[in-house]
Amino acid sequence: ACQLIRTYDDRWSIEVFFKDTKQLLGLGQYQNVSLEAAVTHLHLVCFVYALLTHVAINRKGAKGKDKTVAHMSTSELQNEVRRQVWNDLTEHLEQFKSGDEIVKELKRLLIAA
């Protein structure tokens, strides 16, 4: 029974990977008939999963100190990446003369969407 539990535990991260890549990252939704395009899509999905894993590892507590603090779902990690990209973009745009107006307009458009 212990061996079965260990095997299931080892397999669990693989199951989560496939579930998340299919449901949240669009792995099963690609419909192009070109083999090259399908392979490119697969690579992009795997890249995004690796990026989200990197974000999770860099979160506070993810380096073996308190794993309960570090656990985030894939959708929470997606939101974290969106937040980081938004913060970097607005910080960059605000360096320009008309950057504040651009950021205000982007915020207005996001709220309207």
PDB file of N, CA and C in Angstrom:
ATOM      1  N   ALA A   1       0.823  -1.197   0.000  1.00  0.00           N
ATOM      2  CA  ALA A   1       0.000   0.000   0.000  1.00  0.00           C
ATOM      3  C   ALA A   1       0.867   1.261   0.000  1.00  0.00           C
ATOM      4  N   CYS A   2       1.984   1.245   0.745  1.00  0.00           N
ATOM      5  CA  CYS A   2       2.865   2.418   0.790  1.00  0.00           C
ATOM      6  C   CYS A   2       3.464   2.704  -0.581  1.00  0.00           C
ATOM      7  N   GLN A   3       3.854   1.653  -1.295  1.00  0.00           N
ATOM      8  CA  GLN A   3       4.428   1.830  -2.638  1.00  0.00           C
ATOM      9  C   GLN A   3       3.387   2.423  -3.587  1.00  0.00           C
ATOM     10  N   LEU A   4       2.152   1.982  -3.474  1.00  0.00           N
ATOM     11  CA  LEU A   4       1.075   2.504  -4.304  1.00  0.00           C
ATOM     12  C   LEU A   4       0.865   3.992  -4.032  1.00  0.00           C
ATOM     13  N   ILE A   5       0.885   4.373  -2.777  1.00  0.00           N
ATOM     14  CA  ILE A   5       0.712   5.786  -2.414  1.00  0.00           C
ATOM     15  C   ILE A   5       1.877   6.618  -2.933  1.00  0.00           C
ATOM     16  N   ARG A   6       3.105   6.118  -2.810  1.00  0.00           N
ATOM     17  CA  ARG A   6       4.274   6.848  -3.323  1.00  0.00           C
ATOM     18  C   ARG A   6       4.193   7.010  -4.839  1.00  0.00           C
ATOM     19  N   THR A   7       3.796   5.954  -5.525  1.00  0.00           N
ATOM     20  CA  THR A   7       3.661   6.012  -6.982  1.00  0.00           C
ATOM     21  C   THR A   7       2.592   7.020  -7.378  1.00  0.00           C
ATOM     22  N   TYR A   8       1.463   6.998  -6.694  1.00  0.00           N
ATOM     23  CA  TYR A   8       0.391   7.945  -6.975  1.00  0.00           C
ATOM     24  C   TYR A   8       0.852   9.372  -6.696  1.00  0.00           C
ATOM     25  N   ASP A   9       1.593   9.563  -5.617  1.00  0.00           N
ATOM     26  CA  ASP A   9       2.115  10.883  -5.274  1.00  0.00           C
ATOM     27  C   ASP A   9       3.077  11.384  -6.350  1.00  0.00           C
ATOM     28  N   ASP A  10       3.930  10.496  -6.858  1.00  0.00           N
ATOM     29  CA  ASP A  10       4.848  10.873  -7.939  1.00  0.00           C
ATOM     30  C   ASP A  10       4.082  11.238  -9.206  1.00  0.00           C
ATOM     31  N   ARG A  11       3.010  10.546  -9.470  1.00  0.00           N
ATOM     32  CA  ARG A  11       2.230  10.754 -10.691  1.00  0.00           C
ATOM     33  C   ARG A  11       1.358  12.005 -10.605  1.00  0.00           C
ATOM     34  N   TRP A  12       1.048  12.456  -9.399  1.00  0.00           N
ATOM     35  CA  TRP A  12       0.109  13.560  -9.207  1.00  0.00           C
ATOM     36  C   TRP A  12       0.552  14.837  -9.925  1.00  0.00           C
ATOM     37  N   SER A  13       1.818  15.210  -9.845  1.00  0.00           N
ATOM     38  CA  SER A  13       2.281  16.441 -10.503  1.00  0.00           C
ATOM     39  C   SER A  13       2.135  16.332 -12.019  1.00  0.00           C
ATOM     40  N   ILE A  14       2.296  15.141 -12.563  1.00  0.00           N
ATOM     41  CA  ILE A  14       2.111  14.942 -14.005  1.00  0.00           C
ATOM     42  C   ILE A  14       0.641  15.143 -14.369  1.00  0.00           C
ATOM     43  N   GLU A  15      -0.258  14.594 -13.561  1.00  0.00           N
ATOM     44  CA  GLU A  15      -1.694  14.759 -13.808  1.00  0.00           C
ATOM     45  C   GLU A  15      -2.094  16.235 -13.731  1.00  0.00           C
ATOM     46  N   VAL A  16      -1.569  16.949 -12.744  1.00  0.00           N
ATOM     47  CA  VAL A  16      -1.866  18.380 -12.600  1.00  0.00           C
ATOM     48  C   VAL A  16      -1.342  19.148 -13.808  1.00  0.00           C
ATOM     49  N   PHE A  17      -0.139  18.801 -14.286  1.00  0.00           N
ATOM     50  CA  PHE A  17       0.426  19.454 -15.468  1.00  0.00           C
ATOM     51  C   PHE A  17      -0.519  19.325 -16.658  1.00  0.00           C
ATOM     52  N   PHE A  18      -0.960  18.113 -16.962  1.00  0.00           N
ATOM     53  CA  PHE A  18      -1.827  17.916 -18.121  1.00  0.00           C
ATOM     54  C   PHE A  18      -3.189  18.582 -17.938  1.00  0.00           C
ATOM     55  N   LYS A  19      -3.750  18.514 -16.737  1.00  0.00           N
ATOM     56  CA  LYS A  19      -5.036  19.170 -16.491  1.00  0.00           C
ATOM     57  C   LYS A  19      -4.914  20.678 -16.684  1.00  0.00           C
ATOM     58  N   ASP A  20      -3.896  21.280 -16.083  1.00  0.00           N
ATOM     59  CA  ASP A  20      -3.721  22.730 -16.187  1.00  0.00           C
ATOM     60  C   ASP A  20      -3.418  23.172 -17.610  1.00  0.00           C
ATOM     61  N   THR A  21      -2.542  22.439 -18.309  1.00  0.00           N
ATOM     62  CA  THR A  21      -2.211  22.857 -19.675  1.00  0.00           C
ATOM     63  C   THR A  21      -3.404  22.710 -20.602  1.00  0.00           C
ATOM     64  N   LYS A  22      -4.263  21.741 -20.359  1.00  0.00           N
ATOM     65  CA  LYS A  22      -5.450  21.578 -21.202  1.00  0.00           C
ATOM     66  C   LYS A  22      -6.534  22.590 -20.841  1.00  0.00           C
ATOM     67  N   GLN A  23      -6.857  22.711 -19.559  1.00  0.00           N
ATOM     68  CA  GLN A  23      -7.979  23.546 -19.143  1.00  0.00           C
ATOM     69  C   GLN A  23      -7.648  25.031 -19.078  1.00  0.00           C
ATOM     70  N   LEU A  24      -6.443  25.372 -18.625  1.00  0.00           N
ATOM     71  CA  LEU A  24      -6.126  26.778 -18.371  1.00  0.00           C
ATOM     72  C   LEU A  24      -5.199  27.401 -19.404  1.00  0.00           C
ATOM     73  N   LEU A  25      -4.388  26.588 -20.071  1.00  0.00           N
ATOM     74  CA  LEU A  25      -3.416  27.140 -21.014  1.00  0.00           C
ATOM     75  C   LEU A  25      -3.731  26.797 -22.464  1.00  0.00           C
ATOM     76  N   GLY A  26      -4.825  26.099 -22.725  1.00  0.00           N
ATOM     77  CA  GLY A  26      -5.299  25.879 -24.085  1.00  0.00           C
ATOM     78  C   GLY A  26      -4.615  24.783 -24.874  1.00  0.00           C
ATOM     79  N   LEU A  27      -3.980  23.830 -24.211  1.00  0.00           N
ATOM     80  CA  LEU A  27      -3.268  22.781 -24.942  1.00  0.00           C
ATOM     81  C   LEU A  27      -4.195  21.976 -25.837  1.00  0.00           C
ATOM     82  N   GLY A  28      -5.365  21.619 -25.382  1.00  0.00           N
ATOM     83  CA  GLY A  28      -6.266  20.786 -26.170  1.00  0.00           C
ATOM     84  C   GLY A  28      -7.156  21.545 -27.127  1.00  0.00           C
ATOM     85  N   GLN A  29      -7.019  22.865 -27.213  1.00  0.00           N
ATOM     86  CA  GLN A  29      -7.941  23.669 -28.005  1.00  0.00           C
ATOM     87  C   GLN A  29      -7.385  24.100 -29.353  1.00  0.00           C
ATOM     88  N   TYR A  30      -6.145  23.775 -29.643  1.00  0.00           N
ATOM     89  CA  TYR A  30      -5.534  24.231 -30.891  1.00  0.00           C
ATOM     90  C   TYR A  30      -6.110  23.449 -32.052  1.00  0.00           C
ATOM     91  N   GLN A  31      -6.473  24.126 -33.159  1.00  0.00           N
ATOM     92  CA  GLN A  31      -7.166  23.453 -34.250  1.00  0.00           C
ATOM     93  C   GLN A  31      -6.499  23.633 -35.603  1.00  0.00           C
ATOM     94  N   ASN A  32      -5.291  24.133 -35.671  1.00  0.00           N
ATOM     95  CA  ASN A  32      -4.593  24.277 -36.943  1.00  0.00           C
ATOM     96  C   ASN A  32      -4.151  22.900 -37.416  1.00  0.00           C
ATOM     97  N   VAL A  33      -4.213  22.670 -38.729  1.00  0.00           N
ATOM     98  CA  VAL A  33      -3.855  21.349 -39.260  1.00  0.00           C
ATOM     99  C   VAL A  33      -2.368  21.218 -39.556  1.00  0.00           C
ATOM    100  N   SER A  34      -1.634  22.305 -39.536  1.00  0.00           N
ATOM    101  CA  SER A  34      -0.203  22.272 -39.821  1.00  0.00           C
ATOM    102  C   SER A  34       0.554  21.655 -38.649  1.00  0.00           C
ATOM    103  N   LEU A  35       1.383  20.663 -38.937  1.00  0.00           N
ATOM    104  CA  LEU A  35       2.181  20.021 -37.890  1.00  0.00           C
ATOM    105  C   LEU A  35       3.134  21.028 -37.256  1.00  0.00           C
ATOM    106  N   GLU A  36       3.761  21.862 -38.072  1.00  0.00           N
ATOM    107  CA  GLU A  36       4.704  22.861 -37.551  1.00  0.00           C
ATOM    108  C   GLU A  36       4.005  23.832 -36.593  1.00  0.00           C
ATOM    109  N   ALA A  37       2.795  24.265 -36.957  1.00  0.00           N
ATOM    110  CA  ALA A  37       2.049  25.183 -36.092  1.00  0.00           C
ATOM    111  C   ALA A  37       1.634  24.494 -34.790  1.00  0.00           C
ATOM    112  N   ALA A  38       1.243  23.231 -34.870  1.00  0.00           N
ATOM    113  CA  ALA A  38       0.853  22.490 -33.668  1.00  0.00           C
ATOM    114  C   ALA A  38       2.041  22.305 -32.727  1.00  0.00           C
ATOM    115  N   VAL A  39       3.215  22.021 -33.290  1.00  0.00           N
ATOM    116  CA  VAL A  39       4.423  21.863 -32.472  1.00  0.00           C
ATOM    117  C   VAL A  39       4.791  23.197 -31.825  1.00  0.00           C
ATOM    118  N   THR A  40       4.679  24.287 -32.580  1.00  0.00           N
ATOM    119  CA  THR A  40       4.951  25.618 -32.031  1.00  0.00           C
ATOM    120  C   THR A  40       3.996  25.923 -30.881  1.00  0.00           C
ATOM    121  N   HIS A  41       2.722  25.597 -31.064  1.00  0.00           N
ATOM    122  CA  HIS A  41       1.730  25.813 -30.006  1.00  0.00           C
ATOM    123  C   HIS A  41       2.090  25.006 -28.756  1.00  0.00           C
ATOM    124  N   LEU A  42       2.471  23.751 -28.941  1.00  0.00           N
ATOM    125  CA  LEU A  42       2.878  22.907 -27.815  1.00  0.00           C
ATOM    126  C   LEU A  42       4.060  23.524 -27.077  1.00  0.00           C
ATOM    127  N   HIS A  43       5.038  24.032 -27.831  1.00  0.00           N
ATOM    128  CA  HIS A  43       6.208  24.666 -27.209  1.00  0.00           C
ATOM    129  C   HIS A  43       5.805  25.911 -26.424  1.00  0.00           C
ATOM    130  N   LEU A  44       4.892  26.705 -26.976  1.00  0.00           N
ATOM    131  CA  LEU A  44       4.443  27.907 -26.272  1.00  0.00           C
ATOM    132  C   LEU A  44       3.709  27.558 -24.979  1.00  0.00           C
ATOM    133  N   VAL A  45       2.861  26.543 -25.023  1.00  0.00           N
ATOM    134  CA  VAL A  45       2.145  26.119 -23.812  1.00  0.00           C
ATOM    135  C   VAL A  45       3.139  25.652 -22.748  1.00  0.00           C
ATOM    136  N   CYS A  46       4.126  24.866 -23.161  1.00  0.00           N
ATOM    137  CA  CYS A  46       5.137  24.390 -22.204  1.00  0.00           C
ATOM    138  C   CYS A  46       5.974  25.548 -21.665  1.00  0.00           C
ATOM    139  N   PHE A  47       6.276  26.533 -22.522  1.00  0.00           N
ATOM    140  CA  PHE A  47       7.013  27.714 -22.070  1.00  0.00           C
ATOM    141  C   PHE A  47       6.215  28.470 -21.010  1.00  0.00           C
ATOM    142  N   VAL A  48       4.924  28.664 -21.265  1.00  0.00           N
ATOM    143  CA  VAL A  48       4.074  29.377 -20.305  1.00  0.00           C
ATOM    144  C   VAL A  48       4.007  28.612 -18.988  1.00  0.00           C
ATOM    145  N   TYR A  49       3.888  27.296 -19.058  1.00  0.00           N
ATOM    146  CA  TYR A  49       3.854  26.493 -17.830  1.00  0.00           C
ATOM    147  C   TYR A  49       5.167  26.639 -17.062  1.00  0.00           C
ATOM    148  N   ALA A  50       6.286  26.640 -17.784  1.00  0.00           N
ATOM    149  CA  ALA A  50       7.592  26.821 -17.137  1.00  0.00           C
ATOM    150  C   ALA A  50       7.696  28.212 -16.508  1.00  0.00           C
ATOM    151  N   LEU A  51       7.182  29.228 -17.199  1.00  0.00           N
ATOM    152  CA  LEU A  51       7.185  30.587 -16.656  1.00  0.00           C
ATOM    153  C   LEU A  51       6.366  30.655 -15.368  1.00  0.00           C
ATOM    154  N   LEU A  52       5.186  30.048 -15.375  1.00  0.00           N
ATOM    155  CA  LEU A  52       4.351  30.049 -14.176  1.00  0.00           C
ATOM    156  C   LEU A  52       5.023  29.291 -13.034  1.00  0.00           C
ATOM    157  N   THR A  53       5.708  28.204 -13.357  1.00  0.00           N
ATOM    158  CA  THR A  53       6.453  27.453 -12.345  1.00  0.00           C
ATOM    159  C   THR A  53       7.567  28.318 -11.763  1.00  0.00           C
ATOM    160  N   HIS A  54       8.252  29.072 -12.619  1.00  0.00           N
ATOM    161  CA  HIS A  54       9.314  29.972 -12.170  1.00  0.00           C
ATOM    162  C   HIS A  54       8.751  31.031 -11.216  1.00  0.00           C
ATOM    163  N   VAL A  55       7.602  31.593 -11.566  1.00  0.00           N
ATOM    164  CA  VAL A  55       6.972  32.594 -10.700  1.00  0.00           C
ATOM    165  C   VAL A  55       6.631  31.967  -9.348  1.00  0.00           C
ATOM    166  N   ALA A  56       6.111  30.746  -9.368  1.00  0.00           N
ATOM    167  CA  ALA A  56       5.759  30.065  -8.112  1.00  0.00           C
ATOM    168  C   ALA A  56       6.988  29.826  -7.249  1.00  0.00           C
ATOM    169  N   ILE A  57       8.091  29.433  -7.864  1.00  0.00           N
ATOM    170  CA  ILE A  57       9.318  29.164  -7.114  1.00  0.00           C
ATOM    171  C   ILE A  57       9.864  30.441  -6.485  1.00  0.00           C
ATOM    172  N   ASN A  58       9.731  31.552  -7.192  1.00  0.00           N
ATOM    173  CA  ASN A  58      10.263  32.815  -6.686  1.00  0.00           C
ATOM    174  C   ASN A  58       9.356  33.499  -5.670  1.00  0.00           C
ATOM    175  N   ARG A  59       8.152  32.971  -5.471  1.00  0.00           N
ATOM    176  CA  ARG A  59       7.259  33.554  -4.474  1.00  0.00           C
ATOM    177  C   ARG A  59       7.827  33.339  -3.074  1.00  0.00           C
ATOM    178  N   LYS A  60       7.443  34.177  -2.151  1.00  0.00           N
ATOM    179  CA  LYS A  60       7.909  34.060  -0.763  1.00  0.00           C
ATOM    180  C   LYS A  60       7.546  32.687  -0.208  1.00  0.00           C
ATOM    181  N   GLY A  61       8.517  32.041   0.369  1.00  0.00           N
ATOM    182  CA  GLY A  61       8.282  30.747   0.981  1.00  0.00           C
ATOM    183  C   GLY A  61       8.431  29.569   0.052  1.00  0.00           C
ATOM    184  N   ALA A  62       8.712  29.795  -1.217  1.00  0.00           N
ATOM    185  CA  ALA A  62       8.761  28.690  -2.173  1.00  0.00           C
ATOM    186  C   ALA A  62      10.074  27.940  -2.141  1.00  0.00           C
ATOM    187  N   LYS A  63      11.048  28.417  -1.420  1.00  0.00           N
ATOM    188  CA  LYS A  63      12.367  27.782  -1.434  1.00  0.00           C
ATOM    189  C   LYS A  63      12.553  26.852  -0.247  1.00  0.00           C
ATOM    190  N   GLY A  64      11.508  26.152   0.125  1.00  0.00           N
ATOM    191  CA  GLY A  64      11.606  25.140   1.161  1.00  0.00           C
ATOM    192  C   GLY A  64      11.332  25.639   2.568  1.00  0.00           C
ATOM    193  N   LYS A  65      11.045  26.915   2.741  1.00  0.00           N
ATOM    194  CA  LYS A  65      10.830  27.455   4.084  1.00  0.00           C
ATOM    195  C   LYS A  65       9.417  27.158   4.576  1.00  0.00           C
ATOM    196  N   ASP A  66       8.429  27.516   3.793  1.00  0.00           N
ATOM    197  CA  ASP A  66       7.035  27.292   4.179  1.00  0.00           C
ATOM    198  C   ASP A  66       6.235  27.042   2.915  1.00  0.00           C
ATOM    199  N   LYS A  67       6.153  25.813   2.506  1.00  0.00           N
ATOM    200  CA  LYS A  67       5.526  25.488   1.233  1.00  0.00           C
ATOM    201  C   LYS A  67       4.040  25.817   1.203  1.00  0.00           C
ATOM    202  N   THR A  68       3.382  25.898   2.347  1.00  0.00           N
ATOM    203  CA  THR A  68       1.963  26.232   2.333  1.00  0.00           C
ATOM    204  C   THR A  68       1.750  27.675   1.885  1.00  0.00           C
ATOM    205  N   VAL A  69       2.676  28.547   2.195  1.00  0.00           N
ATOM    206  CA  VAL A  69       2.581  29.940   1.766  1.00  0.00           C
ATOM    207  C   VAL A  69       2.777  30.038   0.260  1.00  0.00           C
ATOM    208  N   ALA A  70       3.640  29.204  -0.296  1.00  0.00           N
ATOM    209  CA  ALA A  70       4.022  29.321  -1.691  1.00  0.00           C
ATOM    210  C   ALA A  70       3.021  28.702  -2.651  1.00  0.00           C
ATOM    211  N   HIS A  71       2.152  27.811  -2.176  1.00  0.00           N
ATOM    212  CA  HIS A  71       1.254  27.114  -3.089  1.00  0.00           C
ATOM    213  C   HIS A  71       0.235  28.075  -3.681  1.00  0.00           C
ATOM    214  N   MET A  72       0.257  28.178  -5.000  1.00  0.00           N
ATOM    215  CA  MET A  72      -0.714  28.994  -5.719  1.00  0.00           C
ATOM    216  C   MET A  72      -1.253  28.152  -6.862  1.00  0.00           C
ATOM    217  N   SER A  73      -2.515  28.335  -7.183  1.00  0.00           N
ATOM    218  CA  SER A  73      -3.090  27.621  -8.314  1.00  0.00           C
ATOM    219  C   SER A  73      -2.549  28.222  -9.609  1.00  0.00           C
ATOM    220  N   THR A  74      -2.745  27.505 -10.701  1.00  0.00           N
ATOM    221  CA  THR A  74      -2.286  28.006 -12.000  1.00  0.00           C
ATOM    222  C   THR A  74      -2.973  29.318 -12.344  1.00  0.00           C
ATOM    223  N   SER A  75      -4.266  29.434 -12.066  1.00  0.00           N
ATOM    224  CA  SER A  75      -4.957  30.690 -12.374  1.00  0.00           C
ATOM    225  C   SER A  75      -4.442  31.839 -11.505  1.00  0.00           C
ATOM    226  N   GLU A  76      -4.088  31.560 -10.245  1.00  0.00           N
ATOM    227  CA  GLU A  76      -3.497  32.602  -9.395  1.00  0.00           C
ATOM    228  C   GLU A  76      -2.130  33.019  -9.931  1.00  0.00           C
ATOM    229  N   LEU A  77      -1.359  32.052 -10.425  1.00  0.00           N
ATOM    230  CA  LEU A  77      -0.059  32.377 -11.012  1.00  0.00           C
ATOM    231  C   LEU A  77      -0.224  33.192 -12.288  1.00  0.00           C
ATOM    232  N   GLN A  78      -1.241  32.870 -13.095  1.00  0.00           N
ATOM    233  CA  GLN A  78      -1.513  33.668 -14.290  1.00  0.00           C
ATOM    234  C   GLN A  78      -1.812  35.116 -13.898  1.00  0.00           C
ATOM    235  N   ASN A  79      -2.615  35.296 -12.869  1.00  0.00           N
ATOM    236  CA  ASN A  79      -2.929  36.650 -12.406  1.00  0.00           C
ATOM    237  C   ASN A  79      -1.688  37.362 -11.885  1.00  0.00           C
ATOM    238  N   GLU A  80      -0.803  36.634 -11.220  1.00  0.00           N
ATOM    239  CA  GLU A  80       0.447  37.222 -10.727  1.00  0.00           C
ATOM    240  C   GLU A  80       1.316  37.695 -11.889  1.00  0.00           C
ATOM    241  N   VAL A  81       1.407  36.890 -12.948  1.00  0.00           N
ATOM    242  CA  VAL A  81       2.186  37.295 -14.127  1.00  0.00           C
ATOM    243  C   VAL A  81       1.546  38.514 -14.776  1.00  0.00           C
ATOM    244  N   ARG A  82       0.217  38.531 -14.888  1.00  0.00           N
ATOM    245  CA  ARG A  82      -0.475  39.702 -15.448  1.00  0.00           C
ATOM    246  C   ARG A  82      -0.156  40.951 -14.628  1.00  0.00           C
ATOM    247  N   ARG A  83      -0.186  40.805 -13.299  1.00  0.00           N
ATOM    248  CA  ARG A  83       0.105  41.948 -12.421  1.00  0.00           C
ATOM    249  C   ARG A  83       1.526  42.449 -12.631  1.00  0.00           C
ATOM    250  N   GLN A  84       2.479  41.514 -12.714  1.00  0.00           N
ATOM    251  CA  GLN A  84       3.873  41.905 -12.917  1.00  0.00           C
ATOM    252  C   GLN A  84       4.072  42.597 -14.262  1.00  0.00           C
ATOM    253  N   VAL A  85       3.448  42.060 -15.306  1.00  0.00           N
ATOM    254  CA  VAL A  85       3.564  42.677 -16.635  1.00  0.00           C
ATOM    255  C   VAL A  85       2.936  44.066 -16.622  1.00  0.00           C
ATOM    256  N   TRP A  86       1.753  44.197 -16.005  1.00  0.00           N
ATOM    257  CA  TRP A  86       1.091  45.498 -15.921  1.00  0.00           C
ATOM    258  C   TRP A  86       1.959  46.506 -15.174  1.00  0.00           C
ATOM    259  N   ASN A  87       2.515  46.104 -14.043  1.00  0.00           N
ATOM    260  CA  ASN A  87       3.367  47.012 -13.267  1.00  0.00           C
ATOM    261  C   ASN A  87       4.601  47.431 -14.054  1.00  0.00           C
ATOM    262  N   ASP A  88       5.234  46.485 -14.738  1.00  0.00           N
ATOM    263  CA  ASP A  88       6.410  46.814 -15.553  1.00  0.00           C
ATOM    264  C   ASP A  88       6.041  47.747 -16.700  1.00  0.00           C
ATOM    265  N   LEU A  89       4.902  47.476 -17.351  1.00  0.00           N
ATOM    266  CA  LEU A  89       4.466  48.308 -18.473  1.00  0.00           C
ATOM    267  C   LEU A  89       4.161  49.728 -18.018  1.00  0.00           C
ATOM    268  N   THR A  90       3.394  49.865 -16.935  1.00  0.00           N
ATOM    269  CA  THR A  90       3.044  51.211 -16.481  1.00  0.00           C
ATOM    270  C   THR A  90       4.273  51.970 -15.986  1.00  0.00           C
ATOM    271  N   GLU A  91       5.172  51.269 -15.316  1.00  0.00           N
ATOM    272  CA  GLU A  91       6.410  51.918 -14.863  1.00  0.00           C
ATOM    273  C   GLU A  91       7.217  52.424 -16.059  1.00  0.00           C
ATOM    274  N   HIS A  92       7.281  51.626 -17.109  1.00  0.00           N
ATOM    275  CA  HIS A  92       8.018  52.024 -18.314  1.00  0.00           C
ATOM    276  C   HIS A  92       7.333  53.202 -19.008  1.00  0.00           C
ATOM    277  N   LEU A  93       6.011  53.131 -19.169  1.00  0.00           N
ATOM    278  CA  LEU A  93       5.292  54.194 -19.870  1.00  0.00           C
ATOM    279  C   LEU A  93       5.340  55.518 -19.120  1.00  0.00           C
ATOM    280  N   GLU A  94       5.332  55.466 -17.802  1.00  0.00           N
ATOM    281  CA  GLU A  94       5.329  56.692 -17.010  1.00  0.00           C
ATOM    282  C   GLU A  94       6.636  57.467 -17.118  1.00  0.00           C
ATOM    283  N   GLN A  95       7.654  56.860 -17.709  1.00  0.00           N
ATOM    284  CA  GLN A  95       8.922  57.556 -17.918  1.00  0.00           C
ATOM    285  C   GLN A  95       8.834  58.551 -19.075  1.00  0.00           C
ATOM    286  N   PHE A  96       7.822  58.399 -19.932  1.00  0.00           N
ATOM    287  CA  PHE A  96       7.679  59.275 -21.088  1.00  0.00           C
ATOM    288  C   PHE A  96       6.799  60.465 -20.748  1.00  0.00           C
ATOM    289  N   LYS A  97       6.943  61.513 -21.536  1.00  0.00           N
ATOM    290  CA  LYS A  97       6.213  62.754 -21.300  1.00  0.00           C
ATOM    291  C   LYS A  97       4.701  62.519 -21.258  1.00  0.00           C
ATOM    292  N   SER A  98       4.177  61.762 -22.214  1.00  0.00           N
ATOM    293  CA  SER A  98       2.731  61.515 -22.257  1.00  0.00           C
ATOM    294  C   SER A  98       2.360  60.173 -21.621  1.00  0.00           C
ATOM    295  N   GLY A  99       3.271  59.593 -20.868  1.00  0.00           N
ATOM    296  CA  GLY A  99       3.049  58.274 -20.283  1.00  0.00           C
ATOM    297  C   GLY A  99       1.876  58.207 -19.332  1.00  0.00           C
ATOM    298  N   ASP A 100       1.688  59.246 -18.516  1.00  0.00           N
ATOM    299  CA  ASP A 100       0.579  59.231 -17.561  1.00  0.00           C
ATOM    300  C   ASP A 100      -0.768  59.151 -18.270  1.00  0.00           C
ATOM    301  N   GLU A 101      -0.906  59.896 -19.383  1.00  0.00           N
ATOM    302  CA  GLU A 101      -2.166  59.851 -20.131  1.00  0.00           C
ATOM    303  C   GLU A 101      -2.380  58.485 -20.765  1.00  0.00           C
ATOM    304  N   ILE A 102      -1.295  57.879 -21.243  1.00  0.00           N
ATOM    305  CA  ILE A 102      -1.400  56.546 -21.847  1.00  0.00           C
ATOM    306  C   ILE A 102      -1.847  55.533 -20.798  1.00  0.00           C
ATOM    307  N   VAL A 103      -1.257  55.589 -19.622  1.00  0.00           N
ATOM    308  CA  VAL A 103      -1.625  54.662 -18.546  1.00  0.00           C
ATOM    309  C   VAL A 103      -3.083  54.876 -18.138  1.00  0.00           C
ATOM    310  N   LYS A 104      -3.513  56.125 -18.024  1.00  0.00           N
ATOM    311  CA  LYS A 104      -4.910  56.410 -17.681  1.00  0.00           C
ATOM    312  C   LYS A 104      -5.856  55.838 -18.728  1.00  0.00           C
ATOM    313  N   GLU A 105      -5.502  55.998 -20.005  1.00  0.00           N
ATOM    314  CA  GLU A 105      -6.347  55.471 -21.082  1.00  0.00           C
ATOM    315  C   GLU A 105      -6.376  53.944 -21.061  1.00  0.00           C
ATOM    316  N   LEU A 106      -5.244  53.312 -20.817  1.00  0.00           N
ATOM    317  CA  LEU A 106      -5.209  51.849 -20.716  1.00  0.00           C
ATOM    318  C   LEU A 106      -6.086  51.362 -19.564  1.00  0.00           C
ATOM    319  N   LYS A 107      -6.016  52.036 -18.434  1.00  0.00           N
ATOM    320  CA  LYS A 107      -6.856  51.664 -17.293  1.00  0.00           C
ATOM    321  C   LYS A 107      -8.333  51.830 -17.635  1.00  0.00           C
ATOM    322  N   ARG A 108      -8.662  52.931 -18.319  1.00  0.00           N
ATOM    323  CA  ARG A 108     -10.056  53.171 -18.714  1.00  0.00           C
ATOM    324  C   ARG A 108     -10.546  52.060 -19.638  1.00  0.00           C
ATOM    325  N   LEU A 109      -9.717  51.671 -20.605  1.00  0.00           N
ATOM    326  CA  LEU A 109     -10.098  50.617 -21.541  1.00  0.00           C
ATOM    327  C   LEU A 109     -10.242  49.264 -20.843  1.00  0.00           C
ATOM    328  N   LEU A 110      -9.369  48.985 -19.886  1.00  0.00           N
ATOM    329  CA  LEU A 110      -9.468  47.721 -19.148  1.00  0.00           C
ATOM    330  C   LEU A 110     -10.732  47.665 -18.297  1.00  0.00           C
ATOM    331  N   ILE A 111     -11.078  48.785 -17.690  1.00  0.00           N
ATOM    332  CA  ILE A 111     -12.292  48.829 -16.870  1.00  0.00           C
ATOM    333  C   ILE A 111     -13.526  48.664 -17.750  1.00  0.00           C
ATOM    334  N   ALA A 112     -13.497  49.257 -18.939  1.00  0.00           N
ATOM    335  CA  ALA A 112     -14.634  49.173 -19.855  1.00  0.00           C
ATOM    336  C   ALA A 112     -14.807  47.771 -20.431  1.00  0.00           C
ATOM    337  N   ALA A 113     -13.724  47.000 -20.475  1.00  0.00           N
ATOM    338  CA  ALA A 113     -13.794  45.664 -21.096  1.00  0.00           C
ATOM    339  C   ALA A 113     -14.440  44.693 -20.237  1.00  0.00           C
TER     340      ALA A 113
END
